[in-house]
Amino acid sequence: GIPFPGNGINVTVDAVAGRITNYNLNWGNFDFPAAAKIIDRQQAVET
């Protein structure tokens, strides 16, 4: 449920021809740490 901007999917549409002209998948196999023992959003803003 946490965004990972380092990975994702890019798609480009040729809106004149009505077709997809570019598709790129950037997806890796990584070990993701659990969201435990982190400061909350309010603490993050204050810091």
All heavy atoms as atom14 arrays in JSON, in Angstrom:
{
  "sequence": "GIPFPGNGINVTVDAVAGRITNYNLNWGNFDFPAAAKIIDRQQAVET",
  "atom14_mask": [
    [1, 1, 1, 1, 0, 0, 0, 0, 0, 0, 0, 0, 0, 0],
    [1, 1, 1, 1, 1, 1, 1, 1, 0, 0, 0, 0, 0, 0],
    [1, 1, 1, 1, 1, 1, 1, 0, 0, 0, 0, 0, 0, 0],
    [1, 1, 1, 1, 1, 1, 1, 1, 1, 1, 1, 0, 0, 0],
    [1, 1, 1, 1, 1, 1, 1, 0, 0, 0, 0, 0, 0, 0],
    [1, 1, 1, 1, 0, 0, 0, 0, 0, 0, 0, 0, 0, 0],
    [1, 1, 1, 1, 1, 1, 1, 1, 0, 0, 0, 0, 0, 0],
    [1, 1, 1, 1, 0, 0, 0, 0, 0, 0, 0, 0, 0, 0],
    [1, 1, 1, 1, 1, 1, 1, 1, 0, 0, 0, 0, 0, 0],
    [1, 1, 1, 1, 1, 1, 1, 1, 0, 0, 0, 0, 0, 0],
    [1, 1, 1, 1, 1, 1, 1, 0, 0, 0, 0, 0, 0, 0],
    [1, 1, 1, 1, 1, 1, 1, 0, 0, 0, 0, 0, 0, 0],
    [1, 1, 1, 1, 1, 1, 1, 0, 0, 0, 0, 0, 0, 0],
    [1, 1, 1, 1, 1, 1, 1, 1, 0, 0, 0, 0, 0, 0],
    [1, 1, 1, 1, 1, 0, 0, 0, 0, 0, 0, 0, 0, 0],
    [1, 1, 1, 1, 1, 1, 1, 0, 0, 0, 0, 0, 0, 0],
    [1, 1, 1, 1, 1, 0, 0, 0, 0, 0, 0, 0, 0, 0],
    [1, 1, 1, 1, 0, 0, 0, 0, 0, 0, 0, 0, 0, 0],
    [1, 1, 1, 1, 1, 1, 1, 1, 1, 1, 1, 0, 0, 0],
    [1, 1, 1, 1, 1, 1, 1, 1, 0, 0, 0, 0, 0, 0],
    [1, 1, 1, 1, 1, 1, 1, 0, 0, 0, 0, 0, 0, 0],
    [1, 1, 1, 1, 1, 1, 1, 1, 0, 0, 0, 0, 0, 0],
    [1, 1, 1, 1, 1, 1, 1, 1, 1, 1, 1, 1, 0, 0],
    [1, 1, 1, 1, 1, 1, 1, 1, 0, 0, 0, 0, 0, 0],
    [1, 1, 1, 1, 1, 1, 1, 1, 0, 0, 0, 0, 0, 0],
    [1, 1, 1, 1, 1, 1, 1, 1, 0, 0, 0, 0, 0, 0],
    [1, 1, 1, 1, 1, 1, 1, 1, 1, 1, 1, 1, 1, 1],
    [1, 1, 1, 1, 0, 0, 0, 0, 0, 0, 0, 0, 0, 0],
    [1, 1, 1, 1, 1, 1, 1, 1, 0, 0, 0, 0, 0, 0],
    [1, 1, 1, 1, 1, 1, 1, 1, 1, 1, 1, 0, 0, 0],
    [1, 1, 1, 1, 1, 1, 1, 1, 0, 0, 0, 0, 0, 0],
    [1, 1, 1, 1, 1, 1, 1, 1, 1, 1, 1, 0, 0, 0],
    [1, 1, 1, 1, 1, 1, 1, 0, 0, 0, 0, 0, 0, 0],
    [1, 1, 1, 1, 1, 0, 0, 0, 0, 0, 0, 0, 0, 0],
    [1, 1, 1, 1, 1, 0, 0, 0, 0, 0, 0, 0, 0, 0],
    [1, 1, 1, 1, 1, 0, 0, 0, 0, 0, 0, 0, 0, 0],
    [1, 1, 1, 1, 1, 1, 1, 1, 1, 0, 0, 0, 0, 0],
    [1, 1, 1, 1, 1, 1, 1, 1, 0, 0, 0, 0, 0, 0],
    [1, 1, 1, 1, 1, 1, 1, 1, 0, 0, 0, 0, 0, 0],
    [1, 1, 1, 1, 1, 1, 1, 1, 0, 0, 0, 0, 0, 0],
    [1, 1, 1, 1, 1, 1, 1, 1, 1, 1, 1, 0, 0, 0],
    [1, 1, 1, 1, 1, 1, 1, 1, 1, 0, 0, 0, 0, 0],
    [1, 1, 1, 1, 1, 1, 1, 1, 1, 0, 0, 0, 0, 0],
    [1, 1, 1, 1, 1, 0, 0, 0, 0, 0, 0, 0, 0, 0],
    [1, 1, 1, 1, 1, 1, 1, 0, 0, 0, 0, 0, 0, 0],
    [1, 1, 1, 1, 1, 1, 1, 1, 1, 0, 0, 0, 0, 0],
    [1, 1, 1, 1, 1, 1, 1, 0, 0, 0, 0, 0, 0, 0]
  ],
  "atom14_positions": [
    [[0.79, -1.22, 0.0], [0.0, 0.0, 0.0], [0.82, 1.27, 0.0], [0.27, 2.37, 0.08], [0.0, 0.0, 0.0], [0.0, 0.0, 0.0], [0.0, 0.0, 0.0], [0.0, 0.0, 0.0], [0.0, 0.0, 0.0], [0.0, 0.0, 0.0], [0.0, 0.0, 0.0], [0.0, 0.0, 0.0], [0.0, 0.0, 0.0], [0.0, 0.0, 0.0]],
    [[2.15, 1.15, -0.11], [3.06, 2.3, -0.06], [3.61, 2.54, -1.47], [4.09, 1.61, -2.12], [4.21, 2.05, 0.92], [3.65, 1.85, 2.33], [5.22, 3.19, 0.89], [4.68, 1.4, 3.34], [0.0, 0.0, 0.0], [0.0, 0.0, 0.0], [0.0, 0.0, 0.0], [0.0, 0.0, 0.0], [0.0, 0.0, 0.0], [0.0, 0.0, 0.0]],
    [[3.57, 3.78, -1.97], [4.1, 4.05, -3.31], [5.58, 3.72, -3.42], [6.36, 3.96, -2.5], [3.86, 5.55, -3.49], [2.78, 5.9, -2.52], [2.98, 4.98, -1.35], [0.0, 0.0, 0.0], [0.0, 0.0, 0.0], [0.0, 0.0, 0.0], [0.0, 0.0, 0.0], [0.0, 0.0, 0.0], [0.0, 0.0, 0.0], [0.0, 0.0, 0.0]],
    [[5.95, 3.18, -4.57], [7.34, 2.88, -4.89], [7.64, 3.5, -6.25], [7.6, 2.82, -7.27], [7.56, 1.37, -4.9], [8.97, 0.94, -5.24], [10.06, 1.66, -4.8], [9.19, -0.19, -6.02], [11.35, 1.27, -5.11], [10.48, -0.59, -6.34], [11.56, 0.14, -5.88], [0.0, 0.0, 0.0], [0.0, 0.0, 0.0], [0.0, 0.0, 0.0]],
    [[7.93, 4.82, -6.3], [8.14, 5.49, -7.59], [9.29, 4.93, -8.4], [9.38, 5.17, -9.6], [8.42, 6.94, -7.17], [7.83, 7.07, -5.8], [8.01, 5.73, -5.17], [0.0, 0.0, 0.0], [0.0, 0.0, 0.0], [0.0, 0.0, 0.0], [0.0, 0.0, 0.0], [0.0, 0.0, 0.0], [0.0, 0.0, 0.0], [0.0, 0.0, 0.0]],
    [[10.19, 4.17, -7.75], [11.3, 3.58, -8.49], [10.86, 2.54, -9.49], [11.62, 2.19, -10.4], [0.0, 0.0, 0.0], [0.0, 0.0, 0.0], [0.0, 0.0, 0.0], [0.0, 0.0, 0.0], [0.0, 0.0, 0.0], [0.0, 0.0, 0.0], [0.0, 0.0, 0.0], [0.0, 0.0, 0.0], [0.0, 0.0, 0.0], [0.0, 0.0, 0.0]],
    [[9.65, 2.04, -9.36], [9.09, 1.07, -10.29], [7.74, 1.54, -10.78], [7.03, 2.28, -10.09], [8.92, -0.3, -9.62], [10.19, -1.14, -9.63], [10.15, -2.3, -9.26], [11.3, -0.58, -10.05], [0.0, 0.0, 0.0], [0.0, 0.0, 0.0], [0.0, 0.0, 0.0], [0.0, 0.0, 0.0], [0.0, 0.0, 0.0], [0.0, 0.0, 0.0]],
    [[7.36, 1.1, -11.97], [6.06, 1.45, -12.5], [5.95, 1.16, -13.98], [6.77, 0.45, -14.56], [0.0, 0.0, 0.0], [0.0, 0.0, 0.0], [0.0, 0.0, 0.0], [0.0, 0.0, 0.0], [0.0, 0.0, 0.0], [0.0, 0.0, 0.0], [0.0, 0.0, 0.0], [0.0, 0.0, 0.0], [0.0, 0.0, 0.0], [0.0, 0.0, 0.0]],
    [[4.91, 1.72, -14.58], [4.62, 1.47, -16.0], [4.37, 2.8, -16.69], [3.54, 3.59, -16.26], [3.37, 0.56, -16.17], [3.52, -0.73, -15.35], [3.15, 0.25, -17.64], [2.27, -1.6, -15.35], [0.0, 0.0, 0.0], [0.0, 0.0, 0.0], [0.0, 0.0, 0.0], [0.0, 0.0, 0.0], [0.0, 0.0, 0.0], [0.0, 0.0, 0.0]],
    [[5.1, 3.05, -17.78], [4.9, 4.22, -18.63], [4.17, 3.81, -19.9], [4.53, 2.79, -20.52], [6.24, 4.86, -19.01], [6.9, 5.53, -17.84], [6.55, 6.64, -17.46], [7.9, 4.86, -17.27], [0.0, 0.0, 0.0], [0.0, 0.0, 0.0], [0.0, 0.0, 0.0], [0.0, 0.0, 0.0], [0.0, 0.0, 0.0], [0.0, 0.0, 0.0]],
    [[3.18, 4.6, -20.3], [2.45, 4.32, -21.53], [2.22, 5.65, -22.26], [1.85, 6.65, -21.64], [1.09, 3.63, -21.27], [0.43, 3.27, -22.6], [1.27, 2.39, -20.41], [0.0, 0.0, 0.0], [0.0, 0.0, 0.0], [0.0, 0.0, 0.0], [0.0, 0.0, 0.0], [0.0, 0.0, 0.0], [0.0, 0.0, 0.0], [0.0, 0.0, 0.0]],
    [[2.44, 5.64, -23.56], [2.19, 6.82, -24.4], [1.13, 6.47, -25.43], [1.18, 5.4, -26.05], [3.48, 7.26, -25.12], [4.49, 7.53, -24.15], [3.23, 8.51, -25.95], [0.0, 0.0, 0.0], [0.0, 0.0, 0.0], [0.0, 0.0, 0.0], [0.0, 0.0, 0.0], [0.0, 0.0, 0.0], [0.0, 0.0, 0.0], [0.0, 0.0, 0.0]],
    [[0.18, 7.38, -25.6], [-0.92, 7.18, -26.54], [-0.85, 8.21, -27.65], [-0.73, 9.4, -27.38], [-2.28, 7.28, -25.82], [-3.43, 7.18, -26.83], [-2.41, 6.19, -24.76], [0.0, 0.0, 0.0], [0.0, 0.0, 0.0], [0.0, 0.0, 0.0], [0.0, 0.0, 0.0], [0.0, 0.0, 0.0], [0.0, 0.0, 0.0], [0.0, 0.0, 0.0]],
    [[-0.88, 7.74, -28.88], [-1.05, 8.61, -30.04], [-2.55, 8.88, -30.14], [-3.32, 8.04, -30.62], [-0.51, 7.92, -31.29], [-0.64, 8.8, -32.54], [-1.47, 9.73, -32.53], [0.09, 8.54, -33.51], [0.0, 0.0, 0.0], [0.0, 0.0, 0.0], [0.0, 0.0, 0.0], [0.0, 0.0, 0.0], [0.0, 0.0, 0.0], [0.0, 0.0, 0.0]],
    [[-2.98, 10.05, -29.67], [-4.41, 10.34, -29.6], [-5.0, 10.67, -30.96], [-6.22, 10.7, -31.11], [-4.66, 11.5, -28.63], [0.0, 0.0, 0.0], [0.0, 0.0, 0.0], [0.0, 0.0, 0.0], [0.0, 0.0, 0.0], [0.0, 0.0, 0.0], [0.0, 0.0, 0.0], [0.0, 0.0, 0.0], [0.0, 0.0, 0.0], [0.0, 0.0, 0.0]],
    [[-4.15, 10.92, -31.96], [-4.64, 11.16, -33.32], [-5.01, 9.83, -33.97], [-6.09, 9.67, -34.54], [-3.59, 11.91, -34.15], [-4.06, 12.07, -35.6], [-3.29, 13.27, -33.54], [0.0, 0.0, 0.0], [0.0, 0.0, 0.0], [0.0, 0.0, 0.0], [0.0, 0.0, 0.0], [0.0, 0.0, 0.0], [0.0, 0.0, 0.0], [0.0, 0.0, 0.0]],
    [[-4.08, 8.86, -33.88], [-4.32, 7.55, -34.48], [-5.13, 6.64, -33.57], [-5.62, 5.59, -34.0], [-2.99, 6.89, -34.82], [0.0, 0.0, 0.0], [0.0, 0.0, 0.0], [0.0, 0.0, 0.0], [0.0, 0.0, 0.0], [0.0, 0.0, 0.0], [0.0, 0.0, 0.0], [0.0, 0.0, 0.0], [0.0, 0.0, 0.0], [0.0, 0.0, 0.0]],
    [[-5.24, 7.01, -32.27], [-6.01, 6.2, -31.34], [-5.32, 4.89, -31.01], [-5.98, 3.85, -30.92], [0.0, 0.0, 0.0], [0.0, 0.0, 0.0], [0.0, 0.0, 0.0], [0.0, 0.0, 0.0], [0.0, 0.0, 0.0], [0.0, 0.0, 0.0], [0.0, 0.0, 0.0], [0.0, 0.0, 0.0], [0.0, 0.0, 0.0], [0.0, 0.0, 0.0]],
    [[-3.99, 4.91, -30.77], [-3.27, 3.67, -30.48], [-2.15, 3.96, -29.48], [-1.7, 5.11, -29.31], [-2.67, 3.09, -31.76], [-1.65, 3.99, -32.41], [-0.91, 3.32, -33.53], [0.16, 4.17, -34.05], [1.15, 3.75, -34.81], [1.21, 2.47, -35.14], [2.08, 4.58, -35.24], [0.0, 0.0, 0.0], [0.0, 0.0, 0.0], [0.0, 0.0, 0.0]],
    [[-1.69, 2.9, -28.83], [-0.56, 2.99, -27.9], [0.73, 2.86, -28.69], [0.91, 1.92, -29.46], [-0.65, 1.88, -26.83], [-1.88, 2.11, -25.95], [0.62, 1.84, -25.98], [-2.15, 0.98, -24.98], [0.0, 0.0, 0.0], [0.0, 0.0, 0.0], [0.0, 0.0, 0.0], [0.0, 0.0, 0.0], [0.0, 0.0, 0.0], [0.0, 0.0, 0.0]],
    [[1.63, 3.83, -28.5], [2.89, 3.82, -29.24], [4.1, 3.51, -28.37], [5.17, 3.22, -28.89], [3.12, 5.18, -29.93], [3.11, 6.21, -28.92], [2.04, 5.45, -30.96], [0.0, 0.0, 0.0], [0.0, 0.0, 0.0], [0.0, 0.0, 0.0], [0.0, 0.0, 0.0], [0.0, 0.0, 0.0], [0.0, 0.0, 0.0], [0.0, 0.0, 0.0]],
    [[3.92, 3.6, -27.07], [5.04, 3.29, -26.19], [4.53, 2.66, -24.9], [3.56, 3.14, -24.31], [5.84, 4.55, -25.86], [7.01, 4.26, -24.91], [6.83, 4.25, -23.71], [8.18, 4.02, -25.47], [0.0, 0.0, 0.0], [0.0, 0.0, 0.0], [0.0, 0.0, 0.0], [0.0, 0.0, 0.0], [0.0, 0.0, 0.0], [0.0, 0.0, 0.0]],
    [[5.18, 1.58, -24.5], [4.86, 0.91, -23.24], [6.17, 0.46, -22.63], [7.03, -0.1, -23.31], [3.95, -0.3, -23.52], [4.03, -1.41, -22.48], [3.42, -1.27, -21.23], [4.7, -2.59, -22.76], [3.5, -2.29, -20.3], [4.78, -3.62, -21.85], [4.18, -3.47, -20.6], [4.26, -4.48, -19.67], [0.0, 0.0, 0.0], [0.0, 0.0, 0.0]],
    [[6.35, 0.78, -21.34], [7.59, 0.39, -20.68], [7.31, -0.04, -19.26], [6.73, 0.72, -18.46], [8.59, 1.56, -20.67], [9.91, 1.17, -20.02], [10.6, 0.29, -20.49], [10.23, 1.84, -18.92], [0.0, 0.0, 0.0], [0.0, 0.0, 0.0], [0.0, 0.0, 0.0], [0.0, 0.0, 0.0], [0.0, 0.0, 0.0], [0.0, 0.0, 0.0]],
    [[7.69, -1.28, -18.93], [7.53, -1.82, -17.59], [8.87, -1.77, -16.88], [9.87, -2.31, -17.37], [7.04, -3.27, -17.65], [6.99, -4.01, -16.31], [5.88, -3.47, -15.43], [6.82, -5.52, -16.52], [0.0, 0.0, 0.0], [0.0, 0.0, 0.0], [0.0, 0.0, 0.0], [0.0, 0.0, 0.0], [0.0, 0.0, 0.0], [0.0, 0.0, 0.0]],
    [[8.91, -1.1, -15.74], [10.11, -1.05, -14.9], [9.74, -1.69, -13.58], [9.05, -1.09, -12.75], [10.54, 0.41, -14.72], [11.76, 0.53, -13.82], [12.49, -0.44, -13.6], [11.98, 1.71, -13.27], [0.0, 0.0, 0.0], [0.0, 0.0, 0.0], [0.0, 0.0, 0.0], [0.0, 0.0, 0.0], [0.0, 0.0, 0.0], [0.0, 0.0, 0.0]],
    [[10.19, -2.95, -13.38], [9.7, -3.75, -12.25], [10.82, -4.67, -11.78], [11.28, -5.52, -12.53], [8.49, -4.57, -12.67], [7.54, -4.91, -11.57], [7.66, -5.91, -10.66], [6.31, -4.24, -11.29], [6.57, -5.91, -9.82], [5.72, -4.9, -10.19], [5.64, -3.17, -11.87], [4.5, -4.51, -9.65], [4.43, -2.78, -11.33], [3.87, -3.44, -10.24]],
    [[11.25, -4.5, -10.57], [12.34, -5.32, -10.05], [11.91, -6.18, -8.89], [10.86, -5.96, -8.26], [0.0, 0.0, 0.0], [0.0, 0.0, 0.0], [0.0, 0.0, 0.0], [0.0, 0.0, 0.0], [0.0, 0.0, 0.0], [0.0, 0.0, 0.0], [0.0, 0.0, 0.0], [0.0, 0.0, 0.0], [0.0, 0.0, 0.0], [0.0, 0.0, 0.0]],
    [[12.72, -7.16, -8.58], [12.48, -8.07, -7.46], [13.36, -7.63, -6.3], [14.57, -7.85, -6.29], [12.82, -9.5, -7.88], [12.59, -10.49, -6.75], [11.79, -10.23, -5.84], [13.29, -11.61, -6.77], [0.0, 0.0, 0.0], [0.0, 0.0, 0.0], [0.0, 0.0, 0.0], [0.0, 0.0, 0.0], [0.0, 0.0, 0.0], [0.0, 0.0, 0.0]],
    [[12.75, -6.95, -5.32], [13.51, -6.38, -4.2], [12.94, -6.85, -2.87], [11.82, -7.36, -2.8], [13.47, -4.84, -4.26], [13.92, -4.27, -5.57], [13.0, -3.74, -6.46], [15.25, -4.26, -5.93], [13.39, -3.21, -7.67], [15.66, -3.74, -7.14], [14.73, -3.22, -8.01], [0.0, 0.0, 0.0], [0.0, 0.0, 0.0], [0.0, 0.0, 0.0]],
    [[13.72, -6.65, -1.84], [13.26, -6.93, -0.48], [12.78, -5.61, 0.12], [13.56, -4.66, 0.27], [14.4, -7.52, 0.37], [14.84, -8.87, -0.15], [13.98, -9.62, -0.66], [16.04, -9.19, -0.04], [0.0, 0.0, 0.0], [0.0, 0.0, 0.0], [0.0, 0.0, 0.0], [0.0, 0.0, 0.0], [0.0, 0.0, 0.0], [0.0, 0.0, 0.0]],
    [[11.5, -5.55, 0.45], [10.91, -4.31, 0.94], [10.77, -4.38, 2.46], [10.13, -5.3, 2.99], [9.54, -4.08, 0.3], [9.62, -3.79, -1.17], [9.56, -4.83, -2.1], [9.77, -2.5, -1.63], [9.64, -4.59, -3.45], [9.85, -2.24, -2.99], [9.79, -3.28, -3.9], [0.0, 0.0, 0.0], [0.0, 0.0, 0.0], [0.0, 0.0, 0.0]],
    [[11.33, -3.42, 3.16], [11.21, -3.41, 4.63], [9.77, -3.14, 5.05], [9.03, -2.4, 4.39], [12.13, -2.26, 5.06], [12.22, -1.37, 3.86], [12.13, -2.27, 2.67], [0.0, 0.0, 0.0], [0.0, 0.0, 0.0], [0.0, 0.0, 0.0], [0.0, 0.0, 0.0], [0.0, 0.0, 0.0], [0.0, 0.0, 0.0], [0.0, 0.0, 0.0]],
    [[9.38, -3.73, 6.14], [8.03, -3.51, 6.67], [7.93, -2.1, 7.23], [8.91, -1.53, 7.73], [7.71, -4.54, 7.75], [0.0, 0.0, 0.0], [0.0, 0.0, 0.0], [0.0, 0.0, 0.0], [0.0, 0.0, 0.0], [0.0, 0.0, 0.0], [0.0, 0.0, 0.0], [0.0, 0.0, 0.0], [0.0, 0.0, 0.0], [0.0, 0.0, 0.0]],
    [[6.74, -1.53, 7.15], [6.52, -0.17, 7.65], [6.32, -0.2, 9.16], [5.27, 0.18, 9.68], [5.33, 0.45, 6.95], [0.0, 0.0, 0.0], [0.0, 0.0, 0.0], [0.0, 0.0, 0.0], [0.0, 0.0, 0.0], [0.0, 0.0, 0.0], [0.0, 0.0, 0.0], [0.0, 0.0, 0.0], [0.0, 0.0, 0.0], [0.0, 0.0, 0.0]],
    [[7.34, -0.68, 9.87], [7.28, -0.8, 11.32], [8.33, 0.11, 11.95], [9.39, 0.36, 11.36], [7.52, -2.25, 11.75], [0.0, 0.0, 0.0], [0.0, 0.0, 0.0], [0.0, 0.0, 0.0], [0.0, 0.0, 0.0], [0.0, 0.0, 0.0], [0.0, 0.0, 0.0], [0.0, 0.0, 0.0], [0.0, 0.0, 0.0], [0.0, 0.0, 0.0]],
    [[8.02, 0.59, 13.13], [8.93, 1.46, 13.89], [9.34, 2.7, 13.09], [10.5, 3.12, 13.11], [10.17, 0.68, 14.32], [9.87, -0.48, 15.25], [11.15, -1.2, 15.68], [10.83, -2.35, 16.62], [12.06, -3.09, 17.04], [0.0, 0.0, 0.0], [0.0, 0.0, 0.0], [0.0, 0.0, 0.0], [0.0, 0.0, 0.0], [0.0, 0.0, 0.0]],
    [[8.4, 3.26, 12.37], [8.68, 4.49, 11.63], [8.01, 5.66, 12.33], [7.06, 5.48, 13.09], [8.19, 4.41, 10.17], [6.67, 4.26, 10.12], [8.87, 3.27, 9.43], [6.09, 4.33, 8.71], [0.0, 0.0, 0.0], [0.0, 0.0, 0.0], [0.0, 0.0, 0.0], [0.0, 0.0, 0.0], [0.0, 0.0, 0.0], [0.0, 0.0, 0.0]],
    [[8.53, 6.85, 12.1], [7.89, 8.03, 12.67], [6.59, 8.29, 11.9], [6.48, 7.95, 10.72], [8.81, 9.26, 12.59], [9.19, 9.58, 11.14], [10.06, 9.04, 13.42], [10.07, 10.81, 10.99], [0.0, 0.0, 0.0], [0.0, 0.0, 0.0], [0.0, 0.0, 0.0], [0.0, 0.0, 0.0], [0.0, 0.0, 0.0], [0.0, 0.0, 0.0]],
    [[5.6, 8.83, 12.58], [4.34, 9.07, 11.89], [4.43, 10.32, 11.03], [5.42, 11.07, 11.08], [3.17, 9.15, 12.88], [3.33, 10.29, 13.9], [3.9, 11.33, 13.55], [2.88, 10.12, 15.05], [0.0, 0.0, 0.0], [0.0, 0.0, 0.0], [0.0, 0.0, 0.0], [0.0, 0.0, 0.0], [0.0, 0.0, 0.0], [0.0, 0.0, 0.0]],
    [[3.4, 10.55, 10.25], [3.44, 11.65, 9.29], [3.57, 13.01, 9.99], [4.28, 13.9, 9.52], [2.2, 11.64, 8.41], [2.3, 12.53, 7.19], [1.06, 12.42, 6.33], [0.78, 11.03, 5.98], [1.35, 10.4, 4.94], [2.22, 11.04, 4.18], [1.06, 9.14, 4.68], [0.0, 0.0, 0.0], [0.0, 0.0, 0.0], [0.0, 0.0, 0.0]],
    [[2.91, 13.15, 11.14], [3.01, 14.42, 11.86], [4.43, 14.68, 12.33], [4.95, 15.79, 12.22], [2.05, 14.43, 13.06], [2.06, 15.75, 13.83], [1.08, 15.76, 14.99], [0.27, 14.84, 15.12], [1.13, 16.78, 15.82], [0.0, 0.0, 0.0], [0.0, 0.0, 0.0], [0.0, 0.0, 0.0], [0.0, 0.0, 0.0], [0.0, 0.0, 0.0]],
    [[5.09, 13.64, 12.86], [6.49, 13.78, 13.28], [7.37, 14.1, 12.08], [8.31, 14.91, 12.18], [6.96, 12.5, 13.94], [6.37, 12.21, 15.3], [6.82, 10.87, 15.83], [6.51, 9.81, 15.27], [7.57, 10.88, 16.91], [0.0, 0.0, 0.0], [0.0, 0.0, 0.0], [0.0, 0.0, 0.0], [0.0, 0.0, 0.0], [0.0, 0.0, 0.0]],
    [[7.07, 13.47, 10.94], [7.86, 13.72, 9.74], [7.74, 15.18, 9.31], [8.74, 15.82, 8.96], [7.42, 12.79, 8.61], [0.0, 0.0, 0.0], [0.0, 0.0, 0.0], [0.0, 0.0, 0.0], [0.0, 0.0, 0.0], [0.0, 0.0, 0.0], [0.0, 0.0, 0.0], [0.0, 0.0, 0.0], [0.0, 0.0, 0.0], [0.0, 0.0, 0.0]],
    [[6.52, 15.71, 9.34], [6.31, 17.11, 8.96], [7.07, 18.03, 9.91], [7.73, 18.99, 9.48], [4.81, 17.44, 8.94], [4.59, 18.95, 8.8], [4.12, 16.7, 7.8], [0.0, 0.0, 0.0], [0.0, 0.0, 0.0], [0.0, 0.0, 0.0], [0.0, 0.0, 0.0], [0.0, 0.0, 0.0], [0.0, 0.0, 0.0], [0.0, 0.0, 0.0]],
    [[6.98, 17.75, 11.23], [7.65, 18.59, 12.22], [9.16, 18.59, 12.0], [9.82, 19.63, 12.03], [7.32, 18.11, 13.64], [5.88, 18.33, 14.05], [5.51, 19.81, 14.12], [6.37, 20.61, 14.52], [4.37, 20.16, 13.76], [0.0, 0.0, 0.0], [0.0, 0.0, 0.0], [0.0, 0.0, 0.0], [0.0, 0.0, 0.0], [0.0, 0.0, 0.0]],
    [[9.73, 17.41, 11.75], [11.17, 17.3, 11.52], [11.58, 18.0, 10.24], [12.59, 18.72, 10.2], [11.58, 15.81, 11.46], [11.2, 15.16, 12.67], [13.09, 15.68, 11.27], [0.0, 0.0, 0.0], [0.0, 0.0, 0.0], [0.0, 0.0, 0.0], [0.0, 0.0, 0.0], [0.0, 0.0, 0.0], [0.0, 0.0, 0.0], [0.0, 0.0, 0.0]]
  ]
}
